Amino acid sequence: MRFYELTSLISSKLSEEEARKISEKINSFIQKEEGILDKEANPLKLKLALPIKKERQAYLLTLNFYLDLGKLENLEKKLKSTPEILRFLVQRKKLEIAKILPEKPLLKIKKPLKPREEKVELEEIEKKLEEILGEI
């Protein structure tokens, strides 16, 4: 079985309940082809940038499912034969497997701090120079 994502646009002439029924109908198409639904979202009404079949609004529906490769053609034929579906796209998705990251130490080992040397003021330097020059 392969992992797929189905994105479809459903006619906005339908009410929200009817759009949900179309969604359930699509789910039944997948299940009849022995597919397994993974993730389903409620239809979302949106404005289209360009008209599709003379409609400016549509319901957006996205489903994730598992299906055998040979049965995908039958599913696409059923989706094409449904007049309420304006457009659809079936994409093969890669399974996202969580990567195991190596354990990082919780605390960083700090380098020992070097003791700071105190800055010598100009006056102290002059006194030492006078002492040294005075001895000579």
N, C-alpha and C. Protein backbone atom coordinates (compact mmCIF):
# COMPACT_ATOMS: atom_id res chain seq x y z
N MET A 1 0.84 -1.19 0.00
CA MET A 1 0.00 0.00 0.00
C MET A 1 0.88 1.24 0.00
N ARG A 2 0.38 2.24 -0.68
CA ARG A 2 1.09 3.52 -0.75
C ARG A 2 0.27 4.60 -0.06
N PHE A 3 0.95 5.64 0.32
CA PHE A 3 0.33 6.75 1.04
C PHE A 3 0.03 7.87 0.05
N TYR A 4 -1.22 8.34 0.02
CA TYR A 4 -1.67 9.37 -0.92
C TYR A 4 -2.37 10.51 -0.19
N GLU A 5 -2.41 11.66 -0.88
CA GLU A 5 -3.18 12.80 -0.42
C GLU A 5 -4.12 13.20 -1.55
N LEU A 6 -5.39 13.31 -1.23
CA LEU A 6 -6.40 13.73 -2.20
C LEU A 6 -6.86 15.13 -1.83
N THR A 7 -6.71 16.05 -2.76
CA THR A 7 -7.20 17.42 -2.58
C THR A 7 -8.25 17.64 -3.64
N SER A 8 -9.44 18.06 -3.21
CA SER A 8 -10.51 18.24 -4.19
C SER A 8 -11.27 19.53 -3.92
N LEU A 9 -11.85 20.06 -4.99
CA LEU A 9 -12.71 21.23 -4.91
C LEU A 9 -14.14 20.79 -5.21
N ILE A 10 -15.02 21.07 -4.27
CA ILE A 10 -16.43 20.67 -4.38
C ILE A 10 -17.25 21.91 -4.67
N SER A 11 -18.26 21.76 -5.50
CA SER A 11 -19.10 22.87 -5.94
C SER A 11 -19.66 23.67 -4.75
N SER A 12 -19.64 24.99 -4.89
CA SER A 12 -20.16 25.85 -3.82
C SER A 12 -21.68 25.99 -3.90
N LYS A 13 -22.29 25.42 -4.93
CA LYS A 13 -23.75 25.47 -5.05
C LYS A 13 -24.40 24.60 -3.97
N LEU A 14 -23.63 23.72 -3.40
CA LEU A 14 -24.13 22.83 -2.35
C LEU A 14 -24.04 23.53 -0.99
N SER A 15 -24.88 23.08 -0.07
CA SER A 15 -24.78 23.61 1.29
C SER A 15 -23.61 22.92 2.00
N GLU A 16 -23.31 23.38 3.19
CA GLU A 16 -22.18 22.80 3.93
C GLU A 16 -22.47 21.34 4.28
N GLU A 17 -23.70 21.03 4.62
CA GLU A 17 -24.08 19.64 4.93
C GLU A 17 -23.92 18.74 3.70
N GLU A 18 -24.35 19.25 2.56
CA GLU A 18 -24.22 18.46 1.33
C GLU A 18 -22.75 18.26 0.97
N ALA A 19 -21.92 19.26 1.24
CA ALA A 19 -20.49 19.12 1.00
C ALA A 19 -19.90 18.03 1.90
N ARG A 20 -20.38 17.96 3.14
CA ARG A 20 -19.93 16.89 4.04
C ARG A 20 -20.38 15.53 3.53
N LYS A 21 -21.57 15.48 2.96
CA LYS A 21 -22.06 14.20 2.40
C LYS A 21 -21.19 13.76 1.22
N ILE A 22 -20.78 14.72 0.40
CA ILE A 22 -19.88 14.40 -0.71
C ILE A 22 -18.55 13.89 -0.16
N SER A 23 -18.11 14.51 0.93
CA SER A 23 -16.88 14.06 1.59
C SER A 23 -17.02 12.61 2.07
N GLU A 24 -18.15 12.29 2.66
CA GLU A 24 -18.41 10.92 3.10
C GLU A 24 -18.49 9.96 1.90
N LYS A 25 -19.04 10.44 0.81
CA LYS A 25 -19.13 9.64 -0.41
C LYS A 25 -17.72 9.31 -0.93
N ILE A 26 -16.83 10.31 -0.90
CA ILE A 26 -15.45 10.09 -1.32
C ILE A 26 -14.77 9.08 -0.38
N ASN A 27 -15.05 9.22 0.92
CA ASN A 27 -14.50 8.26 1.89
C ASN A 27 -14.96 6.84 1.58
N SER A 28 -16.23 6.70 1.21
CA SER A 28 -16.75 5.37 0.89
C SER A 28 -16.10 4.82 -0.39
N PHE A 29 -15.81 5.72 -1.37
CA PHE A 29 -15.09 5.28 -2.58
C PHE A 29 -13.75 4.66 -2.19
N ILE A 30 -13.05 5.34 -1.29
CA ILE A 30 -11.72 4.86 -0.86
C ILE A 30 -11.85 3.52 -0.13
N GLN A 31 -12.84 3.42 0.74
CA GLN A 31 -13.02 2.18 1.51
C GLN A 31 -13.47 1.03 0.62
N LYS A 32 -14.25 1.30 -0.42
CA LYS A 32 -14.67 0.23 -1.34
C LYS A 32 -13.49 -0.32 -2.12
N GLU A 33 -12.48 0.52 -2.32
CA GLU A 33 -11.26 0.07 -3.01
C GLU A 33 -10.25 -0.51 -2.02
N GLU A 34 -10.72 -0.79 -0.81
CA GLU A 34 -9.92 -1.38 0.26
C GLU A 34 -8.80 -0.45 0.72
N GLY A 35 -9.09 0.83 0.70
CA GLY A 35 -8.13 1.82 1.18
C GLY A 35 -8.36 2.10 2.65
N ILE A 36 -7.37 2.69 3.28
CA ILE A 36 -7.44 3.01 4.70
C ILE A 36 -7.29 4.53 4.84
N LEU A 37 -8.30 5.15 5.43
CA LEU A 37 -8.25 6.60 5.66
C LEU A 37 -7.31 6.90 6.81
N ASP A 38 -6.48 7.90 6.62
CA ASP A 38 -5.53 8.27 7.66
C ASP A 38 -5.94 9.58 8.32
N LYS A 39 -6.21 10.58 7.51
CA LYS A 39 -6.51 11.91 8.03
C LYS A 39 -7.58 12.55 7.16
N GLU A 40 -8.54 13.19 7.81
CA GLU A 40 -9.63 13.82 7.07
C GLU A 40 -9.91 15.19 7.67
N ALA A 41 -10.19 16.16 6.83
CA ALA A 41 -10.53 17.50 7.29
C ALA A 41 -11.92 17.87 6.78
N ASN A 42 -12.61 18.70 7.52
CA ASN A 42 -13.92 19.17 7.08
C ASN A 42 -13.77 20.08 5.87
N PRO A 43 -14.75 20.06 4.97
CA PRO A 43 -14.67 20.95 3.80
C PRO A 43 -14.64 22.41 4.24
N LEU A 44 -13.77 23.17 3.60
CA LEU A 44 -13.59 24.58 3.92
C LEU A 44 -13.95 25.42 2.70
N LYS A 45 -14.88 26.37 2.88
CA LYS A 45 -15.31 27.20 1.75
C LYS A 45 -14.31 28.32 1.53
N LEU A 46 -13.93 28.51 0.25
CA LEU A 46 -12.97 29.55 -0.08
C LEU A 46 -13.25 30.15 -1.45
N LYS A 47 -12.70 31.34 -1.66
CA LYS A 47 -12.83 32.01 -2.96
C LYS A 47 -11.72 31.51 -3.86
N LEU A 48 -12.06 31.33 -5.13
CA LEU A 48 -11.08 30.88 -6.11
C LEU A 48 -10.49 32.08 -6.84
N ALA A 49 -9.22 32.00 -7.17
CA ALA A 49 -8.57 33.09 -7.90
C ALA A 49 -9.13 33.19 -9.32
N LEU A 50 -9.36 32.04 -9.93
CA LEU A 50 -9.94 31.98 -11.27
C LEU A 50 -11.17 31.07 -11.22
N PRO A 51 -12.17 31.36 -12.03
CA PRO A 51 -13.35 30.49 -12.01
C PRO A 51 -13.05 29.09 -12.55
N ILE A 52 -13.67 28.11 -11.93
CA ILE A 52 -13.57 26.72 -12.38
C ILE A 52 -15.00 26.27 -12.66
N LYS A 53 -15.25 25.89 -13.89
CA LYS A 53 -16.59 25.51 -14.34
C LYS A 53 -17.61 26.57 -13.95
N LYS A 54 -17.24 27.82 -14.20
CA LYS A 54 -18.09 29.00 -13.98
C LYS A 54 -18.44 29.23 -12.51
N GLU A 55 -17.63 28.76 -11.61
CA GLU A 55 -17.86 28.97 -10.18
C GLU A 55 -16.68 29.72 -9.60
N ARG A 56 -16.98 30.71 -8.76
CA ARG A 56 -15.94 31.54 -8.15
C ARG A 56 -15.61 31.10 -6.72
N GLN A 57 -16.43 30.26 -6.14
CA GLN A 57 -16.19 29.73 -4.79
C GLN A 57 -16.29 28.21 -4.83
N ALA A 58 -15.63 27.57 -3.87
CA ALA A 58 -15.69 26.11 -3.80
C ALA A 58 -15.33 25.67 -2.40
N TYR A 59 -15.68 24.43 -2.08
CA TYR A 59 -15.27 23.82 -0.82
C TYR A 59 -13.98 23.05 -1.07
N LEU A 60 -13.00 23.28 -0.23
CA LEU A 60 -11.72 22.59 -0.32
C LEU A 60 -11.74 21.40 0.65
N LEU A 61 -11.41 20.23 0.12
CA LEU A 61 -11.40 19.01 0.94
C LEU A 61 -10.06 18.32 0.76
N THR A 62 -9.44 17.94 1.86
CA THR A 62 -8.15 17.24 1.81
C THR A 62 -8.24 15.97 2.64
N LEU A 63 -7.81 14.86 2.03
CA LEU A 63 -7.82 13.55 2.69
C LEU A 63 -6.46 12.88 2.53
N ASN A 64 -6.01 12.17 3.54
CA ASN A 64 -4.82 11.34 3.44
C ASN A 64 -5.27 9.90 3.60
N PHE A 65 -4.75 9.02 2.75
CA PHE A 65 -5.19 7.62 2.80
C PHE A 65 -4.12 6.70 2.23
N TYR A 66 -4.28 5.41 2.54
CA TYR A 66 -3.42 4.36 2.00
C TYR A 66 -4.23 3.57 0.98
N LEU A 67 -3.60 3.23 -0.17
CA LEU A 67 -4.31 2.50 -1.22
C LEU A 67 -3.29 1.78 -2.08
N ASP A 68 -3.71 0.62 -2.60
CA ASP A 68 -2.85 -0.11 -3.53
C ASP A 68 -2.77 0.65 -4.85
N LEU A 69 -1.64 0.52 -5.51
CA LEU A 69 -1.39 1.26 -6.75
C LEU A 69 -2.40 0.91 -7.83
N GLY A 70 -2.74 -0.36 -7.99
CA GLY A 70 -3.66 -0.78 -9.04
C GLY A 70 -5.08 -0.27 -8.85
N LYS A 71 -5.45 0.02 -7.62
CA LYS A 71 -6.83 0.45 -7.34
C LYS A 71 -7.00 1.96 -7.44
N LEU A 72 -5.91 2.66 -7.65
CA LEU A 72 -5.96 4.12 -7.74
C LEU A 72 -6.73 4.57 -8.98
N GLU A 73 -6.57 3.84 -10.08
CA GLU A 73 -7.28 4.17 -11.32
C GLU A 73 -8.79 4.12 -11.13
N ASN A 74 -9.27 3.07 -10.45
CA ASN A 74 -10.71 2.93 -10.20
C ASN A 74 -11.23 4.10 -9.36
N LEU A 75 -10.45 4.50 -8.37
CA LEU A 75 -10.85 5.62 -7.52
C LEU A 75 -10.94 6.90 -8.35
N GLU A 76 -9.96 7.13 -9.20
CA GLU A 76 -9.97 8.34 -10.04
C GLU A 76 -11.17 8.36 -10.98
N LYS A 77 -11.54 7.20 -11.53
CA LYS A 77 -12.71 7.13 -12.42
C LYS A 77 -13.98 7.49 -11.65
N LYS A 78 -14.10 7.00 -10.43
CA LYS A 78 -15.28 7.32 -9.61
C LYS A 78 -15.32 8.81 -9.28
N LEU A 79 -14.17 9.39 -8.99
CA LEU A 79 -14.13 10.82 -8.68
C LEU A 79 -14.49 11.66 -9.90
N LYS A 80 -14.03 11.26 -11.08
CA LYS A 80 -14.35 11.98 -12.32
C LYS A 80 -15.84 11.89 -12.64
N SER A 81 -16.47 10.79 -12.27
CA SER A 81 -17.88 10.60 -12.60
C SER A 81 -18.81 11.35 -11.64
N THR A 82 -18.27 11.92 -10.57
CA THR A 82 -19.08 12.67 -9.61
C THR A 82 -19.15 14.13 -10.06
N PRO A 83 -20.33 14.62 -10.46
CA PRO A 83 -20.41 15.98 -11.02
C PRO A 83 -20.19 17.10 -9.99
N GLU A 84 -20.37 16.82 -8.71
CA GLU A 84 -20.20 17.86 -7.69
C GLU A 84 -18.72 18.20 -7.45
N ILE A 85 -17.84 17.31 -7.86
CA ILE A 85 -16.40 17.55 -7.69
C ILE A 85 -15.92 18.33 -8.91
N LEU A 86 -15.49 19.57 -8.67
CA LEU A 86 -15.02 20.42 -9.77
C LEU A 86 -13.65 19.97 -10.27
N ARG A 87 -12.74 19.77 -9.33
CA ARG A 87 -11.39 19.30 -9.66
C ARG A 87 -10.85 18.49 -8.50
N PHE A 88 -9.90 17.62 -8.81
CA PHE A 88 -9.24 16.88 -7.74
C PHE A 88 -7.81 16.58 -8.15
N LEU A 89 -6.99 16.31 -7.15
CA LEU A 89 -5.58 15.98 -7.37
C LEU A 89 -5.19 14.91 -6.36
N VAL A 90 -4.65 13.80 -6.88
CA VAL A 90 -4.16 12.74 -6.01
C VAL A 90 -2.65 12.74 -6.10
N GLN A 91 -2.00 12.93 -4.96
CA GLN A 91 -0.54 12.96 -4.91
C GLN A 91 -0.03 11.85 -4.02
N ARG A 92 1.07 11.24 -4.45
CA ARG A 92 1.71 10.25 -3.61
C ARG A 92 2.58 11.00 -2.61
N LYS A 93 2.44 10.65 -1.36
CA LYS A 93 3.19 11.31 -0.30
C LYS A 93 4.20 10.34 0.29
N LYS A 94 5.29 10.90 0.76
CA LYS A 94 6.27 10.09 1.47
C LYS A 94 5.87 10.04 2.94
N LEU A 95 6.07 8.88 3.53
CA LEU A 95 5.78 8.77 4.95
C LEU A 95 6.83 9.53 5.73
N GLU A 96 6.38 10.31 6.66
CA GLU A 96 7.31 11.07 7.49
C GLU A 96 7.63 10.24 8.72
N ILE A 97 8.84 9.76 8.75
CA ILE A 97 9.28 8.96 9.87
C ILE A 97 10.13 9.84 10.77
N ALA A 98 9.84 9.78 12.04
CA ALA A 98 10.59 10.62 12.97
C ALA A 98 12.05 10.17 13.01
N LYS A 99 12.93 11.11 12.88
CA LYS A 99 14.35 10.82 12.92
C LYS A 99 14.80 10.76 14.37
N ILE A 100 15.62 9.78 14.67
CA ILE A 100 16.14 9.65 16.02
C ILE A 100 17.42 10.47 16.08
N LEU A 101 17.39 11.48 16.91
CA LEU A 101 18.53 12.36 17.05
C LEU A 101 19.46 11.83 18.14
N PRO A 102 20.76 11.97 17.96
CA PRO A 102 21.67 11.54 19.02
C PRO A 102 21.45 12.40 20.27
N GLU A 103 21.64 11.76 21.41
CA GLU A 103 21.43 12.48 22.65
C GLU A 103 22.52 13.52 22.84
N LYS A 104 22.10 14.69 23.23
CA LYS A 104 23.03 15.76 23.49
C LYS A 104 23.17 15.90 25.00
N PRO A 105 24.36 16.22 25.47
CA PRO A 105 24.50 16.40 26.92
C PRO A 105 23.63 17.57 27.37
N LEU A 106 23.03 17.39 28.55
CA LEU A 106 22.15 18.43 29.04
C LEU A 106 22.92 19.69 29.45
N LEU A 107 24.10 19.49 30.03
CA LEU A 107 24.89 20.63 30.46
C LEU A 107 26.16 20.70 29.63
N LYS A 108 26.52 21.86 29.26
CA LYS A 108 27.76 22.03 28.53
C LYS A 108 28.90 22.14 29.54
N ILE A 109 30.00 21.54 29.19
CA ILE A 109 31.16 21.62 30.06
C ILE A 109 31.81 22.97 29.81
N LYS A 110 31.93 23.72 30.86
CA LYS A 110 32.49 25.06 30.74
C LYS A 110 34.00 24.99 30.91
N LYS A 111 34.68 25.78 30.14
CA LYS A 111 36.13 25.87 30.25
C LYS A 111 36.46 26.68 31.50
N PRO A 112 37.54 26.29 32.18
CA PRO A 112 37.89 27.07 33.38
C PRO A 112 38.27 28.49 32.98
N LEU A 113 37.79 29.39 33.74
CA LEU A 113 38.05 30.79 33.45
C LEU A 113 39.45 31.17 33.91
N LYS A 114 40.14 31.91 33.08
CA LYS A 114 41.46 32.41 33.45
C LYS A 114 41.26 33.61 34.37
N PRO A 115 42.07 33.68 35.41
CA PRO A 115 41.91 34.85 36.30
C PRO A 115 42.31 36.11 35.53
N ARG A 116 41.54 37.11 35.71
CA ARG A 116 41.79 38.36 35.01
C ARG A 116 42.94 39.10 35.69
N GLU A 117 43.78 39.58 34.86
CA GLU A 117 44.87 40.40 35.38
C GLU A 117 44.34 41.81 35.55
N GLU A 118 44.65 42.36 36.69
CA GLU A 118 44.17 43.71 36.96
C GLU A 118 44.95 44.69 36.10
N LYS A 119 44.29 45.65 35.60
CA LYS A 119 44.94 46.66 34.79
C LYS A 119 45.71 47.63 35.69
N VAL A 120 46.91 47.89 35.26
CA VAL A 120 47.76 48.79 36.02
C VAL A 120 47.52 50.21 35.51
N GLU A 121 47.36 51.11 36.45
CA GLU A 121 47.10 52.49 36.06
C GLU A 121 48.40 53.19 35.68
N LEU A 122 48.29 54.23 34.97
CA LEU A 122 49.41 54.98 34.45
C LEU A 122 50.28 55.55 35.59
N GLU A 123 49.65 55.98 36.65
CA GLU A 123 50.38 56.55 37.79
C GLU A 123 51.28 55.50 38.42
N GLU A 124 50.80 54.28 38.57
CA GLU A 124 51.60 53.22 39.17
C GLU A 124 52.80 52.88 38.29
N ILE A 125 52.63 52.91 36.99
CA ILE A 125 53.72 52.63 36.07
C ILE A 125 54.80 53.71 36.21
N GLU A 126 54.38 54.96 36.32
CA GLU A 126 55.33 56.06 36.47
C GLU A 126 56.12 55.93 37.77
N LYS A 127 55.46 55.52 38.88
CA LYS A 127 56.16 55.34 40.16
C LYS A 127 57.21 54.25 40.05
N LYS A 128 56.87 53.14 39.40
CA LYS A 128 57.82 52.05 39.25
C LYS A 128 59.01 52.47 38.38
N LEU A 129 58.73 53.22 37.33
CA LEU A 129 59.81 53.71 36.47
C LEU A 129 60.75 54.63 37.25
N GLU A 130 60.20 55.51 38.07
CA GLU A 130 61.03 56.42 38.89
C GLU A 130 61.90 55.63 39.86
N GLU A 131 61.34 54.54 40.46
CA GLU A 131 62.10 53.72 41.38
C GLU A 131 63.25 53.04 40.65
N ILE A 132 62.97 52.52 39.48
CA ILE A 132 63.99 51.83 38.70
C ILE A 132 65.07 52.82 38.27
N LEU A 133 64.68 53.97 37.78
CA LEU A 133 65.63 54.99 37.32
C LEU A 133 66.40 55.59 38.50
N GLY A 134 65.76 55.66 39.63
CA GLY A 134 66.40 56.20 40.82
C GLY A 134 67.50 55.28 41.31
N GLU A 135 67.40 53.98 41.12
CA GLU A 135 68.40 53.02 41.54
C GLU A 135 69.61 53.07 40.64
N ILE A 136 69.47 53.46 39.45
CA ILE A 136 70.58 53.46 38.51
C ILE A 136 71.47 54.62 38.72
